[in-house]
Amino acid sequence: MDISIIDASKVKRDLGLVIGDPNAPKTVVEFINVRCPYSKEWFEKSKETLDGYIADGKVKRVIKLFDKEKESLQRGNIAHHYLPLNDSQKSYDLITELFKTQETWKDLTLEEVATYMEETFNLTDVSDKVAIDAIINEANAAHIQFVPTVIVDDHIFDESIDLSTLKSYLDN
């Protein structure tokens, strides 16, 4: 991933699902797609660490559900549209579950993903076109093309970061 073209100054720290104290000293911004195996890798690898920092009031996690045109990621787009953006904790719990069950729904048709979200999680399509477009426009303005893209201060990285490096970013 070429991160040299990313302009982190174009990334908002409050647009998306905000998990944790909005006034926490550090903010982790994540552009993810719940169908992306690399987003899954990042999310699952970092979850326990970030949850600890969040519980201690040290980190605010901003998750930007990034709808992508790539055919394989469109299933994630459908799932995104079922997440209740007005309830960040519920959405966070659902994202966790979607990553855990990704093998179950990753190859379903788009219609079947919608049915899966409705029947498995008892959700309805709550698409927020304004929020969806805002995240896409923000990613385009910042030259973010890939998921996951994660930003902590001036540090931009993908799922390949090791936890000790992540902790060093969060502790400074």
Protein backbone atom coordinates (compact mmCIF):
# COMPACT_ATOMS: atom_id res chain seq x y z
CA MET A 1 0.00 0.00 0.00
CA ASP A 2 1.42 3.39 -0.99
CA ILE A 3 0.75 5.60 2.01
CA SER A 4 2.93 8.45 0.77
CA ILE A 5 0.00 9.99 -1.15
CA ILE A 6 -2.39 9.98 1.83
CA ASP A 7 -3.20 13.39 3.28
CA ALA A 8 -4.23 12.66 6.87
CA SER A 9 -5.18 16.32 7.39
CA LYS A 10 -8.25 15.66 5.22
CA VAL A 11 -9.50 12.94 7.59
CA LYS A 12 -12.12 13.96 10.13
CA ARG A 13 -11.76 12.64 13.66
CA ASP A 14 -15.49 12.56 14.38
CA LEU A 15 -17.11 11.22 11.19
CA GLY A 16 -17.95 7.53 11.58
CA LEU A 17 -18.65 5.23 14.48
CA VAL A 18 -17.02 6.77 17.55
CA ILE A 19 -16.06 4.26 20.22
CA GLY A 20 -14.74 5.58 23.53
CA ASP A 21 -14.39 8.97 25.14
CA PRO A 22 -14.78 11.67 22.47
CA ASN A 23 -12.18 13.72 24.38
CA ALA A 24 -9.58 10.94 24.68
CA PRO A 25 -6.02 12.16 24.08
CA LYS A 26 -5.43 9.78 21.13
CA THR A 27 -7.65 9.01 18.16
CA VAL A 28 -7.37 5.92 15.98
CA VAL A 29 -9.15 6.39 12.65
CA GLU A 30 -9.85 3.26 10.61
CA PHE A 31 -11.20 2.96 7.08
CA ILE A 32 -12.46 -0.62 6.90
CA ASN A 33 -14.84 -2.81 4.96
CA VAL A 34 -16.37 -5.73 6.87
CA ARG A 35 -15.92 -8.09 3.90
CA CYS A 36 -12.22 -7.34 3.50
CA PRO A 37 -10.00 -10.13 4.91
CA TYR A 38 -7.28 -7.57 5.66
CA SER A 39 -9.72 -5.36 7.57
CA LYS A 40 -10.70 -8.48 9.51
CA GLU A 41 -7.05 -9.23 10.25
CA TRP A 42 -6.45 -5.69 11.52
CA PHE A 43 -9.66 -5.54 13.55
CA GLU A 44 -9.19 -8.88 15.27
CA LYS A 45 -5.48 -8.37 15.91
CA SER A 46 -5.91 -4.88 17.41
CA LYS A 47 -9.27 -5.26 19.18
CA GLU A 48 -8.06 -6.35 22.62
CA THR A 49 -5.30 -3.74 22.69
CA LEU A 50 -7.54 -0.90 21.52
CA ASP A 51 -10.38 -1.98 23.81
CA GLY A 52 -7.98 -1.67 26.76
CA TYR A 53 -6.92 1.84 25.76
CA ILE A 54 -10.56 2.79 25.23
CA ALA A 55 -11.56 1.43 28.65
CA ASP A 56 -8.78 3.52 30.22
CA GLY A 57 -10.05 6.66 28.45
CA LYS A 58 -6.82 7.00 26.46
CA VAL A 59 -8.15 6.29 22.95
CA LYS A 60 -11.12 7.23 20.82
CA ARG A 61 -11.65 4.76 17.98
CA VAL A 62 -13.33 6.15 14.85
CA ILE A 63 -14.44 3.43 12.46
CA LYS A 64 -15.29 4.54 8.93
CA LEU A 65 -17.25 1.89 7.09
CA PHE A 66 -15.82 2.39 3.63
CA ASP A 67 -18.06 1.24 0.76
CA LYS A 68 -15.87 0.04 -2.08
CA GLU A 69 -16.64 -0.69 -5.73
CA LYS A 70 -14.56 -3.86 -5.85
CA GLU A 71 -16.95 -6.75 -6.49
CA SER A 72 -15.82 -8.90 -3.57
CA LEU A 73 -16.18 -5.98 -1.12
CA GLN A 74 -19.73 -5.09 -2.18
CA ARG A 75 -21.01 -7.70 0.28
CA GLY A 76 -19.43 -5.58 3.00
CA ASN A 77 -21.16 -2.52 1.59
CA ILE A 78 -24.52 -4.25 2.01
CA ALA A 79 -23.68 -5.24 5.60
CA HIS A 80 -22.60 -1.64 6.36
CA HIS A 81 -26.03 -0.39 5.36
CA TYR A 82 -27.64 -2.48 8.09
CA LEU A 83 -25.50 -1.17 10.95
CA PRO A 84 -27.23 1.37 13.21
CA LEU A 85 -24.91 4.36 12.90
CA ASN A 86 -26.77 6.13 15.70
CA ASP A 87 -25.69 3.38 18.13
CA SER A 88 -21.91 3.10 17.92
CA GLN A 89 -21.55 0.40 20.58
CA LYS A 90 -24.17 -1.84 18.98
CA SER A 91 -22.54 -1.32 15.58
CA TYR A 92 -19.12 -2.09 17.08
CA ASP A 93 -20.46 -5.34 18.55
CA LEU A 94 -22.05 -6.21 15.19
CA ILE A 95 -18.80 -5.47 13.32
CA THR A 96 -17.03 -7.82 15.72
CA GLU A 97 -19.60 -10.52 14.98
CA LEU A 98 -19.49 -9.89 11.21
CA PHE A 99 -15.73 -10.41 11.19
CA LYS A 100 -16.10 -13.59 13.29
CA THR A 101 -18.67 -14.96 10.83
CA GLN A 102 -17.13 -13.62 7.62
CA GLU A 103 -16.55 -17.14 6.27
CA THR A 104 -20.29 -17.81 6.58
CA TRP A 105 -21.47 -14.87 4.46
CA LYS A 106 -18.48 -13.80 2.35
CA ASP A 107 -19.60 -15.63 -0.80
CA LEU A 108 -23.34 -14.97 -0.58
CA THR A 109 -25.06 -12.93 -3.27
CA LEU A 110 -25.80 -9.30 -2.39
CA GLU A 111 -29.45 -10.21 -1.83
CA GLU A 112 -28.45 -13.11 0.40
CA VAL A 113 -26.21 -10.82 2.48
CA ALA A 114 -29.21 -8.54 3.04
CA THR A 115 -31.29 -11.54 4.10
CA TYR A 116 -28.43 -12.72 6.36
CA MET A 117 -28.33 -9.33 8.11
CA GLU A 118 -32.10 -9.35 8.55
CA GLU A 119 -32.48 -12.93 9.72
CA THR A 120 -29.27 -13.42 11.70
CA PHE A 121 -29.12 -10.05 13.45
CA ASN A 122 -32.75 -8.92 13.20
CA LEU A 123 -31.68 -5.72 11.44
CA THR A 124 -33.23 -3.62 8.72
CA ASP A 125 -31.55 -1.58 6.02
CA VAL A 126 -30.89 1.82 7.61
CA SER A 127 -28.69 3.17 4.82
CA ASP A 128 -27.57 6.71 5.53
CA LYS A 129 -26.61 7.98 2.06
CA VAL A 130 -25.26 11.24 3.49
CA ALA A 131 -22.90 9.41 5.88
CA ILE A 132 -21.89 6.85 3.25
CA ASP A 133 -21.09 9.57 0.71
CA ALA A 134 -19.28 11.68 3.33
CA ILE A 135 -16.88 8.82 4.11
CA ILE A 136 -16.30 8.07 0.42
CA ASN A 137 -15.70 11.78 -0.31
CA GLU A 138 -13.37 12.09 2.66
CA ALA A 139 -11.38 9.03 1.56
CA ASN A 140 -11.10 10.44 -1.96
CA ALA A 141 -9.98 13.85 -0.68
CA ALA A 142 -7.34 12.19 1.53
CA HIS A 143 -6.26 9.81 -1.30
CA ILE A 144 -7.21 6.73 0.72
CA GLN A 145 -7.76 3.84 -1.65
CA PHE A 146 -7.31 0.68 0.38
CA VAL A 147 -8.86 -1.02 3.37
CA PRO A 148 -7.82 -1.09 6.00
CA THR A 149 -6.14 2.26 6.24
CA VAL A 150 -5.45 3.29 9.82
CA ILE A 151 -4.28 6.68 11.09
CA VAL A 152 -2.87 7.51 14.53
CA ASP A 153 -1.52 11.05 14.68
CA ASP A 154 0.96 11.29 11.79
CA HIS A 155 1.27 7.51 11.48
CA ILE A 156 -0.54 5.85 8.58
CA PHE A 157 -0.51 2.08 8.25
CA ASP A 158 -2.42 -1.06 7.26
CA GLU A 159 -3.10 -4.40 8.90
CA SER A 160 0.56 -5.40 8.90
CA ILE A 161 1.49 -3.22 11.90
CA ASP A 162 2.67 -5.17 14.91
CA LEU A 163 1.04 -4.52 18.29
CA SER A 164 4.21 -3.20 19.93
CA THR A 165 4.49 -0.50 17.27
CA LEU A 166 0.80 0.35 17.66
CA LYS A 167 1.24 0.62 21.43
CA SER A 168 4.24 2.90 20.95
CA TYR A 169 2.09 5.24 18.82
CA LEU A 170 -0.65 5.23 21.45
CA ASP A 171 1.69 5.76 24.40
CA ASN A 172 3.51 8.78 22.93
